[in-house]
Amino acid sequence: MSRPLLLVAIPILAGVSCAEVPAPEPSTPAAAKSAAPSTSGTFTPVSIAPSADPPPAPVAVKLDLPSACAPDSPAKLCVPEPSFVQRLCASAYPDVALVMFHKKSPWSRGYVTRAIDAWNTASSLQSSSRLAIDEEVILVKQRSNPGGIVVSGASGGYEALRWDGTCVSLGGDEVSRHPRGLPKHAAIPWRRLDDRTQHALLDDPRVKESYEQRRKECQGTGTAAQCDRAEAAMSRSIVFFVRAGGQVPTPASVP
């Protein structure tokens, strides 16, 4: 009786071993899970380091004309600060000269003792100028030695500002503190004056009249000699206006 039971058991076990085993679910890689978009609806901000502040823009320095003697002015002289004098004498500033020659300005005047040929001190203006006896100048610097460009062998000397806005180097014996006659002046370069300065001068009737005469002689039918006389007359009228206390505006270009 035991043999038939054994035969029946074999096919049952075989059927069990041949049954299908369900395949395992494929695993999801970790990288794929992290790359999947979030469905939570939240946003995580990214922190960005602030950039460095830009450098501040340079501050423009407005230069003003000096109006008082330099603290280290030589004895019995009133001169501007040396740094201003250096800039002033590096070029020609006719508008500045008109302000500095004003009747109430504090600067020390000098008067040429004889007719001389002097040299402009600016490197860009290396040309000689003829100064008349008793020409009025402003003494902007005193030299203790004759070093530099001088016009004579005298010891010492001055850097001086003329009415035309240029500086000249003068020897000590070529300048007096007092005129021996009517003070003279350099020619005023009208065309080089600022528009505001010209308008202020033309408000004076005397300057206006000389301006109209100059235009007639120099742009009309006048001769060269007539034009020269008209130019000189206009310079005299401007100098008279400034010496009498007439006001001119602060120049647009200040050294």
C-alpha atoms as a PDB file:
ATOM      1  CA  MET A   1       0.000   0.000   0.000  1.00  0.00           C
ATOM      2  CA  SER A   2       2.863   2.378   0.511  1.00  0.00           C
ATOM      3  CA  ARG A   3       4.129   2.332  -3.119  1.00  0.00           C
ATOM      4  CA  PRO A   4       1.056   3.900  -4.809  1.00  0.00           C
ATOM      5  CA  LEU A   5       1.091   6.821  -2.350  1.00  0.00           C
ATOM      6  CA  LEU A   6       4.682   7.554  -3.218  1.00  0.00           C
ATOM      7  CA  LEU A   7       3.874   7.732  -6.918  1.00  0.00           C
ATOM      8  CA  VAL A   8       1.143  10.266  -6.305  1.00  0.00           C
ATOM      9  CA  ALA A   9       3.343  12.484  -4.220  1.00  0.00           C
ATOM     10  CA  ILE A  10       5.963  12.922  -6.914  1.00  0.00           C
ATOM     11  CA  PRO A  11       3.756  14.715  -9.462  1.00  0.00           C
ATOM     12  CA  ILE A  12       2.466  17.067  -6.754  1.00  0.00           C
ATOM     13  CA  LEU A  13       5.965  18.162  -5.820  1.00  0.00           C
ATOM     14  CA  ALA A  14       6.871  18.564  -9.442  1.00  0.00           C
ATOM     15  CA  GLY A  15       3.863  20.797  -9.993  1.00  0.00           C
ATOM     16  CA  VAL A  16       4.857  22.951  -7.111  1.00  0.00           C
ATOM     17  CA  SER A  17       8.430  23.406  -8.375  1.00  0.00           C
ATOM     18  CA  CYS A  18       7.249  24.381 -11.878  1.00  0.00           C
ATOM     19  CA  ALA A  19       4.887  27.163 -10.685  1.00  0.00           C
ATOM     20  CA  GLU A  20       5.796  30.747 -11.885  1.00  0.00           C
ATOM     21  CA  VAL A  21       7.617  32.923  -9.375  1.00  0.00           C
ATOM     22  CA  PRO A  22       6.660  36.656  -9.701  1.00  0.00           C
ATOM     23  CA  ALA A  23       9.535  38.817 -10.986  1.00  0.00           C
ATOM     24  CA  PRO A  24      10.945  41.363  -8.461  1.00  0.00           C
ATOM     25  CA  GLU A  25      10.085  45.034  -8.994  1.00  0.00           C
ATOM     26  CA  PRO A  26      12.918  46.979 -10.621  1.00  0.00           C
ATOM     27  CA  SER A  27      14.778  49.192  -8.181  1.00  0.00           C
ATOM     28  CA  THR A  28      14.871  52.985  -8.837  1.00  0.00           C
ATOM     29  CA  PRO A  29      18.406  54.417  -8.838  1.00  0.00           C
ATOM     30  CA  ALA A  30      19.160  56.988  -6.147  1.00  0.00           C
ATOM     31  CA  ALA A  31      20.215  59.521  -8.743  1.00  0.00           C
ATOM     32  CA  ALA A  32      16.911  59.217 -10.558  1.00  0.00           C
ATOM     33  CA  LYS A  33      15.008  59.758  -7.317  1.00  0.00           C
ATOM     34  CA  SER A  34      16.963  62.910  -6.528  1.00  0.00           C
ATOM     35  CA  ALA A  35      16.425  64.250 -10.063  1.00  0.00           C
ATOM     36  CA  ALA A  36      12.681  63.813  -9.922  1.00  0.00           C
ATOM     37  CA  PRO A  37      10.827  67.100  -9.598  1.00  0.00           C
ATOM     38  CA  SER A  38       9.460  67.975  -6.206  1.00  0.00           C
ATOM     39  CA  THR A  39       5.727  67.833  -5.878  1.00  0.00           C
ATOM     40  CA  SER A  40       5.625  69.581  -2.526  1.00  0.00           C
ATOM     41  CA  GLY A  41       5.158  73.032  -4.161  1.00  0.00           C
ATOM     42  CA  THR A  42       7.907  74.658  -2.034  1.00  0.00           C
ATOM     43  CA  PHE A  43      10.929  76.740  -3.298  1.00  0.00           C
ATOM     44  CA  THR A  44      14.305  76.782  -1.645  1.00  0.00           C
ATOM     45  CA  PRO A  45      16.140  80.114  -2.395  1.00  0.00           C
ATOM     46  CA  VAL A  46      19.772  80.007  -3.393  1.00  0.00           C
ATOM     47  CA  SER A  47      22.080  82.233  -1.356  1.00  0.00           C
ATOM     48  CA  ILE A  48      24.259  84.523  -3.537  1.00  0.00           C
ATOM     49  CA  ALA A  49      27.152  86.463  -2.018  1.00  0.00           C
ATOM     50  CA  PRO A  50      26.750  90.231  -2.521  1.00  0.00           C
ATOM     51  CA  SER A  51      29.207  91.829  -4.956  1.00  0.00           C
ATOM     52  CA  ALA A  52      31.734  94.346  -3.691  1.00  0.00           C
ATOM     53  CA  ASP A  53      30.609  97.997  -3.709  1.00  0.00           C
ATOM     54  CA  PRO A  54      31.988  99.998  -6.681  1.00  0.00           C
ATOM     55  CA  PRO A  55      34.719 102.514  -5.820  1.00  0.00           C
ATOM     56  CA  PRO A  56      33.383 106.006  -5.110  1.00  0.00           C
ATOM     57  CA  ALA A  57      33.545 108.482  -7.950  1.00  0.00           C
ATOM     58  CA  PRO A  58      36.317 111.080  -7.627  1.00  0.00           C
ATOM     59  CA  VAL A  59      35.169 114.351  -6.098  1.00  0.00           C
ATOM     60  CA  ALA A  60      35.784 117.377  -8.278  1.00  0.00           C
ATOM     61  CA  VAL A  61      37.745 120.040  -6.446  1.00  0.00           C
ATOM     62  CA  LYS A  62      36.658 123.570  -7.224  1.00  0.00           C
ATOM     63  CA  LEU A  63      39.553 125.994  -7.084  1.00  0.00           C
ATOM     64  CA  ASP A  64      38.945 129.531  -5.865  1.00  0.00           C
ATOM     65  CA  LEU A  65      40.997 132.632  -6.416  1.00  0.00           C
ATOM     66  CA  PRO A  66      42.996 133.598  -3.329  1.00  0.00           C
ATOM     67  CA  SER A  67      41.896 136.771  -1.626  1.00  0.00           C
ATOM     68  CA  ALA A  68      44.381 137.085   1.255  1.00  0.00           C
ATOM     69  CA  CYS A  69      48.148 137.155   1.658  1.00  0.00           C
ATOM     70  CA  ALA A  70      49.928 133.850   2.066  1.00  0.00           C
ATOM     71  CA  PRO A  71      50.968 133.286   5.714  1.00  0.00           C
ATOM     72  CA  ASP A  72      54.625 133.067   4.691  1.00  0.00           C
ATOM     73  CA  SER A  73      54.625 136.230   2.553  1.00  0.00           C
ATOM     74  CA  PRO A  74      57.995 138.022   2.553  1.00  0.00           C
ATOM     75  CA  ALA A  75      58.332 141.097   4.727  1.00  0.00           C
ATOM     76  CA  LYS A  76      56.380 144.099   3.408  1.00  0.00           C
ATOM     77  CA  LEU A  77      54.909 142.030   0.599  1.00  0.00           C
ATOM     78  CA  CYS A  78      51.516 140.411   0.082  1.00  0.00           C
ATOM     79  CA  VAL A  79      51.794 137.460  -2.289  1.00  0.00           C
ATOM     80  CA  PRO A  80      49.468 134.500  -3.002  1.00  0.00           C
ATOM     81  CA  GLU A  81      50.144 130.932  -1.958  1.00  0.00           C
ATOM     82  CA  PRO A  82      53.148 129.422  -3.801  1.00  0.00           C
ATOM     83  CA  SER A  83      51.060 126.546  -5.202  1.00  0.00           C
ATOM     84  CA  PHE A  84      48.652 129.033  -6.788  1.00  0.00           C
ATOM     85  CA  VAL A  85      51.517 131.100  -8.207  1.00  0.00           C
ATOM     86  CA  GLN A  86      53.010 127.996  -9.781  1.00  0.00           C
ATOM     87  CA  ARG A  87      49.731 127.222 -11.568  1.00  0.00           C
ATOM     88  CA  LEU A  88      49.119 130.873 -12.453  1.00  0.00           C
ATOM     89  CA  CYS A  89      52.490 131.325 -14.110  1.00  0.00           C
ATOM     90  CA  ALA A  90      52.253 128.051 -16.044  1.00  0.00           C
ATOM     91  CA  SER A  91      49.940 129.658 -18.610  1.00  0.00           C
ATOM     92  CA  ALA A  92      48.179 132.931 -19.439  1.00  0.00           C
ATOM     93  CA  TYR A  93      45.082 133.969 -17.431  1.00  0.00           C
ATOM     94  CA  PRO A  94      43.913 137.433 -18.560  1.00  0.00           C
ATOM     95  CA  ASP A  95      40.557 137.108 -16.754  1.00  0.00           C
ATOM     96  CA  VAL A  96      42.343 136.271 -13.500  1.00  0.00           C
ATOM     97  CA  ALA A  97      44.646 139.258 -13.942  1.00  0.00           C
ATOM     98  CA  LEU A  98      41.685 141.654 -14.156  1.00  0.00           C
ATOM     99  CA  VAL A  99      40.368 140.345 -10.833  1.00  0.00           C
ATOM    100  CA  MET A 100      43.754 140.454  -9.120  1.00  0.00           C
ATOM    101  CA  PHE A 101      44.464 144.029 -10.314  1.00  0.00           C
ATOM    102  CA  HIS A 102      41.199 145.264  -8.808  1.00  0.00           C
ATOM    103  CA  LYS A 103      41.469 148.463  -6.828  1.00  0.00           C
ATOM    104  CA  LYS A 104      40.765 146.746  -3.493  1.00  0.00           C
ATOM    105  CA  SER A 105      42.877 143.627  -3.985  1.00  0.00           C
ATOM    106  CA  PRO A 106      45.625 143.140  -1.363  1.00  0.00           C
ATOM    107  CA  TRP A 107      48.458 142.120  -3.703  1.00  0.00           C
ATOM    108  CA  SER A 108      51.717 144.049  -3.760  1.00  0.00           C
ATOM    109  CA  ARG A 109      52.268 146.161  -6.854  1.00  0.00           C
ATOM    110  CA  GLY A 110      55.549 146.823  -8.574  1.00  0.00           C
ATOM    111  CA  TYR A 111      56.605 149.229 -11.329  1.00  0.00           C
ATOM    112  CA  VAL A 112      59.244 148.554 -13.949  1.00  0.00           C
ATOM    113  CA  THR A 113      62.176 150.928 -13.545  1.00  0.00           C
ATOM    114  CA  ARG A 114      63.215 150.981 -17.211  1.00  0.00           C
ATOM    115  CA  ALA A 115      62.109 149.675 -20.575  1.00  0.00           C
ATOM    116  CA  ILE A 116      63.289 146.050 -20.711  1.00  0.00           C
ATOM    117  CA  ASP A 117      62.870 142.769 -22.531  1.00  0.00           C
ATOM    118  CA  ALA A 118      61.727 140.124 -20.032  1.00  0.00           C
ATOM    119  CA  TRP A 119      60.891 136.459 -20.453  1.00  0.00           C
ATOM    120  CA  ASN A 120      57.567 134.823 -19.764  1.00  0.00           C
ATOM    121  CA  THR A 121      58.056 132.243 -17.042  1.00  0.00           C
ATOM    122  CA  ALA A 122      55.640 129.614 -18.421  1.00  0.00           C
ATOM    123  CA  SER A 123      57.337 126.780 -20.274  1.00  0.00           C
ATOM    124  CA  SER A 124      54.653 126.960 -22.976  1.00  0.00           C
ATOM    125  CA  LEU A 125      55.179 130.716 -23.404  1.00  0.00           C
ATOM    126  CA  GLN A 126      58.923 130.952 -23.935  1.00  0.00           C
ATOM    127  CA  SER A 127      58.936 134.300 -25.693  1.00  0.00           C
ATOM    128  CA  SER A 128      60.294 137.676 -24.748  1.00  0.00           C
ATOM    129  CA  SER A 129      58.054 140.624 -23.961  1.00  0.00           C
ATOM    130  CA  ARG A 130      58.798 144.331 -24.059  1.00  0.00           C
ATOM    131  CA  LEU A 131      57.909 146.068 -20.804  1.00  0.00           C
ATOM    132  CA  ALA A 132      57.651 149.857 -20.739  1.00  0.00           C
ATOM    133  CA  ILE A 133      59.040 151.990 -17.974  1.00  0.00           C
ATOM    134  CA  ASP A 134      56.542 152.306 -15.099  1.00  0.00           C
ATOM    135  CA  GLU A 135      54.515 149.319 -16.291  1.00  0.00           C
ATOM    136  CA  GLU A 136      52.414 148.122 -13.355  1.00  0.00           C
ATOM    137  CA  VAL A 137      52.774 144.477 -12.302  1.00  0.00           C
ATOM    138  CA  ILE A 138      51.744 142.366  -9.317  1.00  0.00           C
ATOM    139  CA  LEU A 139      54.645 140.826  -7.418  1.00  0.00           C
ATOM    140  CA  VAL A 140      53.514 137.226  -6.910  1.00  0.00           C
ATOM    141  CA  LYS A 141      56.832 135.733  -5.755  1.00  0.00           C
ATOM    142  CA  GLN A 142      60.112 137.005  -4.386  1.00  0.00           C
ATOM    143  CA  ARG A 143      63.308 135.199  -5.335  1.00  0.00           C
ATOM    144  CA  SER A 144      66.163 135.170  -2.876  1.00  0.00           C
ATOM    145  CA  ASN A 145      68.649 134.033  -5.528  1.00  0.00           C
ATOM    146  CA  PRO A 146      69.013 134.842  -9.218  1.00  0.00           C
ATOM    147  CA  GLY A 147      68.473 131.192 -10.184  1.00  0.00           C
ATOM    148  CA  GLY A 148      66.166 130.359 -13.058  1.00  0.00           C
ATOM    149  CA  ILE A 149      65.441 132.696 -15.947  1.00  0.00           C
ATOM    150  CA  VAL A 150      66.396 136.276 -15.109  1.00  0.00           C
ATOM    151  CA  VAL A 151      67.031 139.291 -17.257  1.00  0.00           C
ATOM    152  CA  SER A 152      69.981 140.801 -15.431  1.00  0.00           C
ATOM    153  CA  GLY A 153      72.762 139.882 -13.052  1.00  0.00           C
ATOM    154  CA  ALA A 154      71.126 141.544 -10.055  1.00  0.00           C
ATOM    155  CA  SER A 155      70.695 139.394  -6.993  1.00  0.00           C
ATOM    156  CA  GLY A 156      67.201 138.436  -6.048  1.00  0.00           C
ATOM    157  CA  GLY A 157      64.189 139.409  -8.075  1.00  0.00           C
ATOM    158  CA  TYR A 158      60.522 138.661  -8.558  1.00  0.00           C
ATOM    159  CA  GLU A 159      58.001 136.680 -10.531  1.00  0.00           C
ATOM    160  CA  ALA A 160      55.428 139.256 -11.598  1.00  0.00           C
ATOM    161  CA  LEU A 161      51.945 139.122 -13.112  1.00  0.00           C
ATOM    162  CA  ARG A 162      51.147 141.515 -15.960  1.00  0.00           C
ATOM    163  CA  TRP A 163      47.786 142.965 -16.944  1.00  0.00           C
ATOM    164  CA  ASP A 164      47.618 140.566 -19.902  1.00  0.00           C
ATOM    165  CA  GLY A 165      47.621 137.527 -17.573  1.00  0.00           C
ATOM    166  CA  THR A 166      51.198 136.361 -18.173  1.00  0.00           C
ATOM    167  CA  CYS A 167      54.040 136.162 -15.677  1.00  0.00           C
ATOM    168  CA  VAL A 168      57.528 137.550 -16.198  1.00  0.00           C
ATOM    169  CA  SER A 169      60.757 137.118 -14.292  1.00  0.00           C
ATOM    170  CA  LEU A 170      62.305 140.419 -13.226  1.00  0.00           C
ATOM    171  CA  GLY A 171      65.567 141.308 -11.540  1.00  0.00           C
ATOM    172  CA  GLY A 172      65.600 143.126  -8.222  1.00  0.00           C
ATOM    173  CA  ASP A 173      66.850 146.351  -9.796  1.00  0.00           C
ATOM    174  CA  GLU A 174      64.176 146.280 -12.499  1.00  0.00           C
ATOM    175  CA  VAL A 175      61.237 146.786 -10.150  1.00  0.00           C
ATOM    176  CA  SER A 176      60.315 149.609  -7.801  1.00  0.00           C
ATOM    177  CA  ARG A 177      57.497 149.682  -5.293  1.00  0.00           C
ATOM    178  CA  HIS A 178      56.527 153.191  -6.392  1.00  0.00           C
ATOM    179  CA  PRO A 179      55.966 154.534  -9.931  1.00  0.00           C
ATOM    180  CA  ARG A 180      57.947 157.550 -11.137  1.00  0.00           C
ATOM    181  CA  GLY A 181      55.211 158.593 -13.528  1.00  0.00           C
ATOM    182  CA  LEU A 182      51.753 157.553 -14.685  1.00  0.00           C
ATOM    183  CA  PRO A 183      51.516 153.735 -14.282  1.00  0.00           C
ATOM    184  CA  LYS A 184      51.360 151.900 -17.578  1.00  0.00           C
ATOM    185  CA  HIS A 185      50.007 148.446 -18.386  1.00  0.00           C
ATOM    186  CA  ALA A 186      50.290 145.537 -20.785  1.00  0.00           C
ATOM    187  CA  ALA A 187      47.771 145.321 -23.625  1.00  0.00           C
ATOM    188  CA  ILE A 188      44.551 143.515 -22.700  1.00  0.00           C
ATOM    189  CA  PRO A 189      43.912 140.549 -25.040  1.00  0.00           C
ATOM    190  CA  TRP A 190      40.192 141.135 -25.601  1.00  0.00           C
ATOM    191  CA  ARG A 191      39.643 138.028 -27.739  1.00  0.00           C
ATOM    192  CA  ARG A 192      40.991 135.782 -24.982  1.00  0.00           C
ATOM    193  CA  LEU A 193      38.665 137.104 -22.285  1.00  0.00           C
ATOM    194  CA  ASP A 194      35.775 134.911 -21.152  1.00  0.00           C
ATOM    195  CA  ASP A 195      32.314 135.809 -22.500  1.00  0.00           C
ATOM    196  CA  ARG A 196      31.062 136.683 -19.008  1.00  0.00           C
ATOM    197  CA  THR A 197      34.023 139.026 -18.508  1.00  0.00           C
ATOM    198  CA  GLN A 198      33.427 140.716 -21.856  1.00  0.00           C
ATOM    199  CA  HIS A 199      29.736 141.256 -21.093  1.00  0.00           C
ATOM    200  CA  ALA A 200      30.549 142.783 -17.710  1.00  0.00           C
ATOM    201  CA  LEU A 201      33.087 145.158 -19.258  1.00  0.00           C
ATOM    202  CA  LEU A 202      30.723 146.205 -22.038  1.00  0.00           C
ATOM    203  CA  ASP A 203      28.218 147.354 -19.421  1.00  0.00           C
ATOM    204  CA  ASP A 204      30.587 150.261 -18.785  1.00  0.00           C
ATOM    205  CA  PRO A 205      29.858 153.125 -21.228  1.00  0.00           C
ATOM    206  CA  ARG A 206      33.529 154.011 -21.691  1.00  0.00           C
ATOM    207  CA  VAL A 207      34.517 150.429 -22.505  1.00  0.00           C
ATOM    208  CA  LYS A 208      31.494 150.071 -24.785  1.00  0.00           C
ATOM    209  CA  GLU A 209      32.438 153.203 -26.740  1.00  0.00           C
ATOM    210  CA  SER A 210      36.048 152.076 -27.184  1.00  0.00           C
ATOM    211  CA  TYR A 211      34.838 148.626 -28.235  1.00  0.00           C
ATOM    212  CA  GLU A 212      32.650 150.088 -30.989  1.00  0.00           C
ATOM    213  CA  GLN A 213      35.508 152.286 -32.190  1.00  0.00           C
ATOM    214  CA  ARG A 214      37.885 149.327 -32.246  1.00  0.00           C
ATOM    215  CA  ARG A 215      35.421 147.267 -34.278  1.00  0.00           C
ATOM    216  CA  LYS A 216      35.033 150.136 -36.753  1.00  0.00           C
ATOM    217  CA  GLU A 217      38.771 150.631 -37.208  1.00  0.00           C
ATOM    218  CA  CYS A 218      39.852 146.988 -37.191  1.00  0.00           C
ATOM    219  CA  GLN A 219      36.970 145.404 -39.094  1.00  0.00           C
ATOM    220  CA  GLY A 220      35.982 148.298 -41.286  1.00  0.00           C
ATOM    221  CA  THR A 221      38.007 150.537 -43.577  1.00  0.00           C
ATOM    222  CA  GLY A 222      40.580 151.630 -41.000  1.00  0.00           C
ATOM    223  CA  THR A 223      44.302 151.240 -41.563  1.00  0.00           C
ATOM    224  CA  ALA A 224      46.584 148.996 -39.516  1.00  0.00           C
ATOM    225  CA  ALA A 225      47.848 152.024 -37.577  1.00  0.00           C
ATOM    226  CA  GLN A 226      44.293 153.119 -36.806  1.00  0.00           C
ATOM    227  CA  CYS A 227      43.438 149.606 -35.611  1.00  0.00           C
ATOM    228  CA  ASP A 228      46.492 149.573 -33.333  1.00  0.00           C
ATOM    229  CA  ARG A 229      45.463 152.897 -31.787  1.00  0.00           C
ATOM    230  CA  ALA A 230      41.915 151.643 -31.282  1.00  0.00           C
ATOM    231  CA  GLU A 231      43.215 148.464 -29.608  1.00  0.00           C
ATOM    232  CA  ALA A 232      45.379 150.540 -27.260  1.00  0.00           C
ATOM    233  CA  ALA A 233      42.474 152.858 -26.432  1.00  0.00           C
ATOM    234  CA  MET A 234      40.275 149.897 -25.566  1.00  0.00           C
ATOM    235  CA  SER A 235      42.943 148.455 -23.256  1.00  0.00           C
ATOM    236  CA  ARG A 236      43.183 151.822 -21.480  1.00  0.00           C
ATOM    237  CA  SER A 237      39.425 151.946 -20.973  1.00  0.00           C
ATOM    238  CA  ILE A 238      39.408 148.439 -19.436  1.00  0.00           C
ATOM    239  CA  VAL A 239      42.321 149.250 -17.119  1.00  0.00           C
ATOM    240  CA  PHE A 240      40.642 152.502 -16.076  1.00  0.00           C
ATOM    241  CA  PHE A 241      37.440 150.582 -15.295  1.00  0.00           C
ATOM    242  CA  VAL A 242      39.255 148.024 -13.087  1.00  0.00           C
ATOM    243  CA  ARG A 243      41.449 150.595 -11.313  1.00  0.00           C
ATOM    244  CA  ALA A 244      38.356 152.659 -10.521  1.00  0.00           C
ATOM    245  CA  GLY A 245      36.760 149.699  -8.744  1.00  0.00           C
ATOM    246  CA  GLY A 246      34.695 148.219 -11.566  1.00  0.00           C
ATOM    247  CA  GLN A 247      33.645 144.639 -10.910  1.00  0.00           C
ATOM    248  CA  VAL A 248      34.356 141.674 -13.193  1.00  0.00           C
ATOM    249  CA  PRO A 249      32.977 138.202 -12.540  1.00  0.00           C
ATOM    250  CA  THR A 250      35.023 135.333 -11.155  1.00  0.00           C
ATOM    251  CA  PRO A 251      36.694 133.671 -14.137  1.00  0.00           C
ATOM    252  CA  ALA A 252      35.381 130.350 -15.378  1.00  0.00           C
ATOM    253  CA  SER A 253      38.960 129.060 -15.591  1.00  0.00           C
ATOM    254  CA  VAL A 254      40.919 129.385 -12.354  1.00  0.00           C
ATOM    255  CA  PRO A 255      44.514 128.150 -12.104  1.00  0.00           C
END
